[in-house]
Amino acid sequence: MAVMVDVGGKPDSLRTAVAQATVRLGERAFGLLREGALKKGDALCTARLAGISAAKMTPHLIPLCHPVPLHRVDVSLDLDPARLAVVVTATCGAHGKTGVEMEALVAASMAALALYDMCKAVSHDIVLEDIRLVSKTGGQRGDFHRPGNVP
């Protein structure tokens, strides 16, 4: 049996979460992305918007996830030429009874998927990897910061 956890008795607190995903593109797709020459247009802008939209839709995508009144969603996409990759970082914030880890993870994941969609005409050898929670603050269990990551 699956149930939605009752958070009604929990106090409101400031919650933040940062999640990341990496998209390895390969030489040709990375070059076209960097030059802004992909046929579908501005892949970085499209991926950013997809991530922001997805964070707001999290309770519709994750069945037992509470709706959270997000007051902040930022999605950045940083080019990593050494790995021919894009590192997606999603940051979410809210003041409420439950955390925003899922919103940040969904935002990073969806931005990565949108980037795949924007680049797939060039190559299908694109790898989405290393989707992870980097940090979270607030809540009863306290803060979490993944060792080796600086959000």
N, C-alpha and C. Protein backbone atom coordinates (compact mmCIF):
# COMPACT_ATOMS: atom_id res chain seq x y z
N MET A 1 0.83 -1.17 0.00
CA MET A 1 0.00 0.00 0.00
C MET A 1 0.88 1.25 0.00
N ALA A 2 0.52 2.21 -0.78
CA ALA A 2 1.23 3.48 -0.83
C ALA A 2 0.32 4.58 -0.29
N VAL A 3 0.90 5.47 0.51
CA VAL A 3 0.11 6.56 1.08
C VAL A 3 0.89 7.87 1.00
N MET A 4 0.15 8.96 0.93
CA MET A 4 0.77 10.27 1.02
C MET A 4 0.98 10.57 2.50
N VAL A 5 2.17 10.93 2.88
CA VAL A 5 2.52 11.20 4.28
C VAL A 5 1.76 12.43 4.76
N ASP A 6 1.24 12.38 5.96
CA ASP A 6 0.53 13.51 6.56
C ASP A 6 1.56 14.48 7.12
N VAL A 7 1.63 15.67 6.54
CA VAL A 7 2.57 16.68 7.01
C VAL A 7 1.84 17.81 7.74
N GLY A 8 0.54 17.61 8.00
CA GLY A 8 -0.28 18.66 8.60
C GLY A 8 0.23 19.16 9.94
N GLY A 9 0.85 18.32 10.73
CA GLY A 9 1.34 18.73 12.04
C GLY A 9 2.74 19.31 12.05
N LYS A 10 3.39 19.31 10.92
CA LYS A 10 4.76 19.82 10.86
C LYS A 10 4.76 21.34 10.78
N PRO A 11 5.74 21.99 11.40
CA PRO A 11 5.81 23.45 11.29
C PRO A 11 6.34 23.87 9.92
N ASP A 12 5.91 25.02 9.47
CA ASP A 12 6.46 25.59 8.24
C ASP A 12 7.90 26.02 8.50
N SER A 13 8.74 25.84 7.49
CA SER A 13 10.11 26.35 7.57
C SER A 13 10.60 26.63 6.16
N LEU A 14 11.66 27.41 6.09
CA LEU A 14 12.27 27.71 4.80
C LEU A 14 12.98 26.46 4.29
N ARG A 15 12.68 26.05 3.07
CA ARG A 15 13.26 24.84 2.47
C ARG A 15 13.96 25.23 1.18
N THR A 16 15.14 24.69 0.97
CA THR A 16 15.84 24.85 -0.30
C THR A 16 16.42 23.51 -0.72
N ALA A 17 16.62 23.34 -2.01
CA ALA A 17 17.28 22.14 -2.51
C ALA A 17 17.97 22.47 -3.82
N VAL A 18 19.11 21.83 -4.02
CA VAL A 18 19.88 21.96 -5.26
C VAL A 18 20.12 20.56 -5.79
N ALA A 19 19.81 20.37 -7.07
CA ALA A 19 20.05 19.08 -7.73
C ALA A 19 20.79 19.32 -9.03
N GLN A 20 21.49 18.30 -9.48
CA GLN A 20 22.23 18.39 -10.73
C GLN A 20 22.01 17.17 -11.60
N ALA A 21 22.24 17.37 -12.87
CA ALA A 21 22.26 16.29 -13.86
C ALA A 21 23.33 16.65 -14.88
N THR A 22 23.94 15.65 -15.47
CA THR A 22 24.95 15.87 -16.49
C THR A 22 24.48 15.26 -17.80
N VAL A 23 24.67 16.00 -18.88
CA VAL A 23 24.31 15.54 -20.21
C VAL A 23 25.58 15.51 -21.05
N ARG A 24 26.06 14.29 -21.35
CA ARG A 24 27.23 14.15 -22.23
C ARG A 24 26.74 14.11 -23.66
N LEU A 25 27.24 15.04 -24.48
CA LEU A 25 26.70 15.22 -25.82
C LEU A 25 27.55 14.64 -26.94
N GLY A 26 28.82 14.56 -26.77
CA GLY A 26 29.70 14.19 -27.87
C GLY A 26 30.16 15.44 -28.61
N GLU A 27 31.16 15.28 -29.44
CA GLU A 27 31.84 16.42 -30.05
C GLU A 27 30.94 17.24 -30.97
N ARG A 28 30.22 16.59 -31.87
CA ARG A 28 29.43 17.34 -32.86
C ARG A 28 28.27 18.09 -32.19
N ALA A 29 27.49 17.41 -31.38
CA ALA A 29 26.35 18.06 -30.72
C ALA A 29 26.82 19.16 -29.78
N PHE A 30 27.90 18.92 -29.05
CA PHE A 30 28.42 19.94 -28.14
C PHE A 30 28.85 21.18 -28.93
N GLY A 31 29.54 20.96 -30.05
CA GLY A 31 29.98 22.09 -30.87
C GLY A 31 28.82 22.91 -31.41
N LEU A 32 27.80 22.24 -31.92
CA LEU A 32 26.63 22.95 -32.44
C LEU A 32 25.88 23.69 -31.32
N LEU A 33 25.78 23.07 -30.17
CA LEU A 33 25.15 23.71 -29.03
C LEU A 33 25.92 24.97 -28.64
N ARG A 34 27.22 24.84 -28.52
CA ARG A 34 28.06 25.98 -28.11
C ARG A 34 27.96 27.12 -29.11
N GLU A 35 27.85 26.78 -30.41
CA GLU A 35 27.76 27.80 -31.46
C GLU A 35 26.35 28.34 -31.64
N GLY A 36 25.38 27.74 -30.97
CA GLY A 36 23.99 28.15 -31.15
C GLY A 36 23.45 27.77 -32.52
N ALA A 37 23.93 26.66 -33.07
CA ALA A 37 23.61 26.29 -34.45
C ALA A 37 22.72 25.05 -34.56
N LEU A 38 22.06 24.66 -33.48
CA LEU A 38 21.14 23.52 -33.57
C LEU A 38 19.88 23.91 -34.34
N LYS A 39 19.35 22.99 -35.13
CA LYS A 39 18.19 23.28 -35.97
C LYS A 39 16.96 23.69 -35.16
N LYS A 40 16.79 23.12 -33.98
CA LYS A 40 15.61 23.43 -33.17
C LYS A 40 15.71 24.78 -32.47
N GLY A 41 16.87 25.41 -32.50
CA GLY A 41 17.00 26.72 -31.88
C GLY A 41 17.79 26.71 -30.59
N ASP A 42 17.44 27.60 -29.70
CA ASP A 42 18.18 27.83 -28.46
C ASP A 42 17.92 26.71 -27.46
N ALA A 43 18.77 25.71 -27.48
CA ALA A 43 18.59 24.53 -26.64
C ALA A 43 18.75 24.85 -25.17
N LEU A 44 19.65 25.73 -24.82
CA LEU A 44 19.87 26.05 -23.42
C LEU A 44 18.67 26.78 -22.82
N CYS A 45 18.10 27.71 -23.56
CA CYS A 45 16.91 28.42 -23.10
C CYS A 45 15.73 27.46 -22.98
N THR A 46 15.55 26.61 -23.97
CA THR A 46 14.45 25.65 -23.96
C THR A 46 14.58 24.70 -22.77
N ALA A 47 15.78 24.20 -22.52
CA ALA A 47 16.00 23.29 -21.40
C ALA A 47 15.76 24.00 -20.06
N ARG A 48 16.19 25.24 -19.96
CA ARG A 48 15.97 26.01 -18.73
C ARG A 48 14.46 26.15 -18.46
N LEU A 49 13.71 26.53 -19.48
CA LEU A 49 12.27 26.69 -19.32
C LEU A 49 11.59 25.35 -18.99
N ALA A 50 12.05 24.28 -19.61
CA ALA A 50 11.49 22.95 -19.32
C ALA A 50 11.72 22.59 -17.85
N GLY A 51 12.89 22.87 -17.35
CA GLY A 51 13.19 22.57 -15.96
C GLY A 51 12.34 23.38 -15.00
N ILE A 52 12.18 24.66 -15.27
CA ILE A 52 11.36 25.51 -14.41
C ILE A 52 9.91 25.03 -14.43
N SER A 53 9.39 24.76 -15.62
CA SER A 53 8.01 24.28 -15.73
C SER A 53 7.82 22.95 -15.01
N ALA A 54 8.78 22.06 -15.15
CA ALA A 54 8.68 20.74 -14.53
C ALA A 54 8.67 20.83 -13.01
N ALA A 55 9.48 21.72 -12.44
CA ALA A 55 9.50 21.87 -10.98
C ALA A 55 8.10 22.20 -10.48
N LYS A 56 7.39 23.05 -11.20
CA LYS A 56 6.04 23.45 -10.79
C LYS A 56 5.02 22.33 -10.97
N MET A 57 5.36 21.34 -11.80
CA MET A 57 4.46 20.22 -12.08
C MET A 57 4.79 18.95 -11.29
N THR A 58 5.75 19.02 -10.40
CA THR A 58 6.23 17.83 -9.69
C THR A 58 5.13 16.98 -9.08
N PRO A 59 4.16 17.55 -8.35
CA PRO A 59 3.15 16.66 -7.75
C PRO A 59 2.26 15.96 -8.78
N HIS A 60 2.26 16.43 -10.01
CA HIS A 60 1.52 15.75 -11.07
C HIS A 60 2.34 14.61 -11.69
N LEU A 61 3.64 14.66 -11.51
CA LEU A 61 4.53 13.65 -12.09
C LEU A 61 4.92 12.57 -11.09
N ILE A 62 5.05 12.93 -9.82
CA ILE A 62 5.45 12.00 -8.76
C ILE A 62 4.20 11.77 -7.90
N PRO A 63 3.59 10.59 -7.96
CA PRO A 63 2.25 10.38 -7.41
C PRO A 63 2.03 10.79 -5.95
N LEU A 64 2.97 10.58 -5.06
CA LEU A 64 2.72 10.86 -3.64
C LEU A 64 3.44 12.12 -3.16
N CYS A 65 3.85 12.94 -4.07
CA CYS A 65 4.57 14.17 -3.75
C CYS A 65 3.57 15.29 -3.45
N HIS A 66 3.76 15.98 -2.33
CA HIS A 66 2.86 17.07 -1.95
C HIS A 66 3.06 18.28 -2.87
N PRO A 67 1.98 19.00 -3.17
CA PRO A 67 2.15 20.28 -3.87
C PRO A 67 2.86 21.26 -2.93
N VAL A 68 3.82 21.96 -3.45
CA VAL A 68 4.62 22.88 -2.64
C VAL A 68 4.53 24.27 -3.27
N PRO A 69 4.27 25.29 -2.46
CA PRO A 69 4.22 26.66 -3.01
C PRO A 69 5.63 27.21 -3.25
N LEU A 70 6.19 26.88 -4.39
CA LEU A 70 7.55 27.31 -4.71
C LEU A 70 7.62 28.83 -4.80
N HIS A 71 8.65 29.39 -4.20
CA HIS A 71 8.88 30.82 -4.37
C HIS A 71 10.13 31.07 -5.20
N ARG A 72 10.84 29.99 -5.52
CA ARG A 72 12.06 30.13 -6.32
C ARG A 72 12.33 28.86 -7.09
N VAL A 73 12.59 29.01 -8.38
CA VAL A 73 13.11 27.92 -9.21
C VAL A 73 14.13 28.54 -10.16
N ASP A 74 15.37 28.13 -10.03
CA ASP A 74 16.43 28.57 -10.94
C ASP A 74 17.03 27.34 -11.59
N VAL A 75 17.24 27.42 -12.88
CA VAL A 75 17.90 26.33 -13.61
C VAL A 75 19.03 26.94 -14.41
N SER A 76 20.25 26.46 -14.17
CA SER A 76 21.40 26.92 -14.94
C SER A 76 21.99 25.74 -15.70
N LEU A 77 22.54 26.04 -16.86
CA LEU A 77 23.17 25.02 -17.70
C LEU A 77 24.56 25.51 -18.04
N ASP A 78 25.55 24.80 -17.54
CA ASP A 78 26.95 25.19 -17.73
C ASP A 78 27.65 24.23 -18.66
N LEU A 79 28.29 24.79 -19.68
CA LEU A 79 29.04 23.97 -20.65
C LEU A 79 30.34 23.50 -20.02
N ASP A 80 30.65 22.24 -20.22
CA ASP A 80 31.88 21.63 -19.72
C ASP A 80 32.64 21.07 -20.94
N PRO A 81 33.47 21.92 -21.58
CA PRO A 81 34.15 21.49 -22.81
C PRO A 81 35.06 20.28 -22.62
N ALA A 82 35.66 20.12 -21.45
CA ALA A 82 36.56 19.00 -21.21
C ALA A 82 35.83 17.66 -21.32
N ARG A 83 34.57 17.63 -20.92
CA ARG A 83 33.78 16.39 -20.98
C ARG A 83 32.78 16.39 -22.12
N LEU A 84 32.75 17.47 -22.92
CA LEU A 84 31.75 17.63 -23.98
C LEU A 84 30.36 17.43 -23.39
N ALA A 85 30.12 18.13 -22.29
CA ALA A 85 28.90 17.92 -21.52
C ALA A 85 28.29 19.25 -21.09
N VAL A 86 27.07 19.14 -20.62
CA VAL A 86 26.37 20.26 -20.00
C VAL A 86 25.99 19.81 -18.60
N VAL A 87 26.31 20.63 -17.61
CA VAL A 87 25.92 20.35 -16.24
C VAL A 87 24.72 21.23 -15.92
N VAL A 88 23.62 20.56 -15.60
CA VAL A 88 22.37 21.23 -15.26
C VAL A 88 22.30 21.34 -13.74
N THR A 89 22.04 22.53 -13.24
CA THR A 89 21.87 22.74 -11.81
C THR A 89 20.51 23.40 -11.58
N ALA A 90 19.69 22.77 -10.76
CA ALA A 90 18.37 23.30 -10.44
C ALA A 90 18.31 23.62 -8.95
N THR A 91 17.82 24.81 -8.64
CA THR A 91 17.68 25.25 -7.26
C THR A 91 16.23 25.62 -7.03
N CYS A 92 15.64 25.06 -5.98
CA CYS A 92 14.25 25.35 -5.64
C CYS A 92 14.17 25.84 -4.20
N GLY A 93 13.18 26.69 -3.94
CA GLY A 93 12.96 27.18 -2.59
C GLY A 93 11.48 27.34 -2.31
N ALA A 94 11.12 27.12 -1.05
CA ALA A 94 9.74 27.28 -0.61
C ALA A 94 9.74 27.47 0.90
N HIS A 95 8.64 27.97 1.40
CA HIS A 95 8.42 28.06 2.84
C HIS A 95 7.20 27.19 3.11
N GLY A 96 7.43 26.03 3.72
CA GLY A 96 6.31 25.12 3.91
C GLY A 96 6.63 23.97 4.83
N LYS A 97 5.77 22.97 4.79
CA LYS A 97 5.84 21.82 5.69
C LYS A 97 6.66 20.65 5.15
N THR A 98 7.01 20.70 3.88
CA THR A 98 7.76 19.59 3.29
C THR A 98 8.82 20.16 2.36
N GLY A 99 9.85 19.36 2.12
CA GLY A 99 11.00 19.82 1.36
C GLY A 99 10.76 19.95 -0.13
N VAL A 100 11.76 20.47 -0.80
CA VAL A 100 11.68 20.71 -2.24
C VAL A 100 12.73 19.91 -3.01
N GLU A 101 13.21 18.81 -2.41
CA GLU A 101 14.19 17.98 -3.09
C GLU A 101 13.65 17.42 -4.40
N MET A 102 12.41 16.92 -4.35
CA MET A 102 11.83 16.32 -5.56
C MET A 102 11.66 17.37 -6.66
N GLU A 103 11.28 18.58 -6.29
CA GLU A 103 11.13 19.64 -7.28
C GLU A 103 12.46 19.95 -7.96
N ALA A 104 13.53 20.00 -7.18
CA ALA A 104 14.85 20.26 -7.75
C ALA A 104 15.31 19.10 -8.63
N LEU A 105 15.08 17.87 -8.17
CA LEU A 105 15.47 16.70 -8.97
C LEU A 105 14.67 16.60 -10.27
N VAL A 106 13.37 16.88 -10.20
CA VAL A 106 12.54 16.86 -11.40
C VAL A 106 12.98 17.96 -12.36
N ALA A 107 13.27 19.14 -11.84
CA ALA A 107 13.71 20.25 -12.70
C ALA A 107 15.01 19.91 -13.42
N ALA A 108 15.98 19.37 -12.70
CA ALA A 108 17.27 19.01 -13.32
C ALA A 108 17.08 17.91 -14.36
N SER A 109 16.26 16.92 -14.02
CA SER A 109 16.01 15.79 -14.93
C SER A 109 15.31 16.25 -16.21
N MET A 110 14.28 17.06 -16.06
CA MET A 110 13.52 17.49 -17.22
C MET A 110 14.33 18.44 -18.10
N ALA A 111 15.14 19.28 -17.50
CA ALA A 111 16.01 20.14 -18.29
C ALA A 111 16.98 19.28 -19.11
N ALA A 112 17.51 18.22 -18.48
CA ALA A 112 18.41 17.30 -19.19
C ALA A 112 17.68 16.60 -20.33
N LEU A 113 16.44 16.16 -20.08
CA LEU A 113 15.67 15.51 -21.14
C LEU A 113 15.35 16.47 -22.29
N ALA A 114 15.04 17.71 -21.96
CA ALA A 114 14.77 18.70 -23.00
C ALA A 114 16.02 18.96 -23.83
N LEU A 115 17.17 18.98 -23.18
CA LEU A 115 18.42 19.17 -23.91
C LEU A 115 18.66 17.99 -24.85
N TYR A 116 18.38 16.78 -24.38
CA TYR A 116 18.47 15.60 -25.25
C TYR A 116 17.57 15.79 -26.47
N ASP A 117 16.33 16.20 -26.24
CA ASP A 117 15.38 16.39 -27.34
C ASP A 117 15.90 17.43 -28.34
N MET A 118 16.49 18.47 -27.86
CA MET A 118 16.97 19.54 -28.75
C MET A 118 18.18 19.08 -29.57
N CYS A 119 18.93 18.10 -29.06
CA CYS A 119 20.17 17.67 -29.72
C CYS A 119 20.06 16.33 -30.44
N LYS A 120 18.96 15.61 -30.31
CA LYS A 120 18.88 14.24 -30.82
C LYS A 120 18.93 14.15 -32.33
N ALA A 121 18.64 15.22 -33.05
CA ALA A 121 18.73 15.19 -34.50
C ALA A 121 20.19 15.09 -34.96
N VAL A 122 21.10 15.49 -34.09
CA VAL A 122 22.53 15.46 -34.39
C VAL A 122 23.15 14.13 -33.99
N SER A 123 22.71 13.59 -32.86
CA SER A 123 23.29 12.35 -32.34
C SER A 123 22.34 11.71 -31.35
N HIS A 124 22.28 10.38 -31.38
CA HIS A 124 21.55 9.65 -30.36
C HIS A 124 22.50 9.10 -29.29
N ASP A 125 23.78 9.38 -29.45
CA ASP A 125 24.78 8.93 -28.48
C ASP A 125 24.95 9.99 -27.40
N ILE A 126 23.83 10.39 -26.81
CA ILE A 126 23.80 11.38 -25.74
C ILE A 126 23.48 10.62 -24.46
N VAL A 127 24.20 10.94 -23.40
CA VAL A 127 24.04 10.21 -22.14
C VAL A 127 23.61 11.19 -21.05
N LEU A 128 22.49 10.86 -20.40
CA LEU A 128 22.06 11.60 -19.22
C LEU A 128 22.58 10.82 -18.02
N GLU A 129 23.30 11.50 -17.14
CA GLU A 129 23.92 10.77 -16.03
C GLU A 129 24.02 11.63 -14.78
N ASP A 130 24.33 10.95 -13.71
CA ASP A 130 24.68 11.60 -12.45
C ASP A 130 23.61 12.57 -11.96
N ILE A 131 22.35 12.13 -12.02
CA ILE A 131 21.26 12.94 -11.47
C ILE A 131 21.30 12.74 -9.97
N ARG A 132 21.43 13.86 -9.23
CA ARG A 132 21.62 13.71 -7.79
C ARG A 132 21.22 14.97 -7.04
N LEU A 133 20.88 14.76 -5.78
CA LEU A 133 20.66 15.87 -4.87
C LEU A 133 22.03 16.35 -4.41
N VAL A 134 22.28 17.63 -4.57
CA VAL A 134 23.55 18.22 -4.15
C VAL A 134 23.46 18.74 -2.72
N SER A 135 22.34 19.39 -2.41
CA SER A 135 22.15 19.90 -1.05
C SER A 135 20.68 20.18 -0.79
N LYS A 136 20.36 20.24 0.50
CA LYS A 136 19.03 20.65 0.91
C LYS A 136 19.14 21.28 2.29
N THR A 137 18.28 22.26 2.54
CA THR A 137 18.25 22.90 3.85
C THR A 137 16.82 22.93 4.36
N GLY A 138 16.71 22.97 5.68
CA GLY A 138 15.41 23.06 6.33
C GLY A 138 14.84 21.70 6.66
N GLY A 139 13.81 21.73 7.47
CA GLY A 139 13.13 20.49 7.82
C GLY A 139 13.65 19.86 9.09
N GLN A 140 12.94 18.84 9.54
CA GLN A 140 13.25 18.17 10.80
C GLN A 140 14.58 17.43 10.77
N ARG A 141 14.95 16.89 9.61
CA ARG A 141 16.20 16.10 9.55
C ARG A 141 17.42 16.98 9.30
N GLY A 142 17.21 18.28 9.17
CA GLY A 142 18.34 19.19 9.04
C GLY A 142 18.86 19.29 7.62
N ASP A 143 20.03 19.86 7.52
CA ASP A 143 20.63 20.15 6.22
C ASP A 143 21.43 18.95 5.71
N PHE A 144 21.58 18.91 4.38
CA PHE A 144 22.39 17.89 3.72
C PHE A 144 23.22 18.58 2.65
N HIS A 145 24.50 18.27 2.63
CA HIS A 145 25.40 18.78 1.59
C HIS A 145 26.25 17.61 1.12
N ARG A 146 26.10 17.24 -0.14
CA ARG A 146 26.85 16.13 -0.69
C ARG A 146 28.34 16.46 -0.65
N PRO A 147 29.15 15.60 -0.05
CA PRO A 147 30.59 15.85 -0.02
C PRO A 147 31.16 15.99 -1.43
N GLY A 148 32.04 16.96 -1.60
CA GLY A 148 32.69 17.17 -2.90
C GLY A 148 31.92 18.07 -3.84
N ASN A 149 30.73 18.51 -3.45
CA ASN A 149 29.94 19.41 -4.30
C ASN A 149 29.84 20.78 -3.65
N VAL A 150 29.94 21.78 -4.48
CA VAL A 150 29.71 23.14 -4.05
C VAL A 150 28.58 23.67 -4.92
N PRO A 151 27.35 23.77 -4.36
CA PRO A 151 26.22 24.22 -5.19
C PRO A 151 26.37 25.66 -5.64
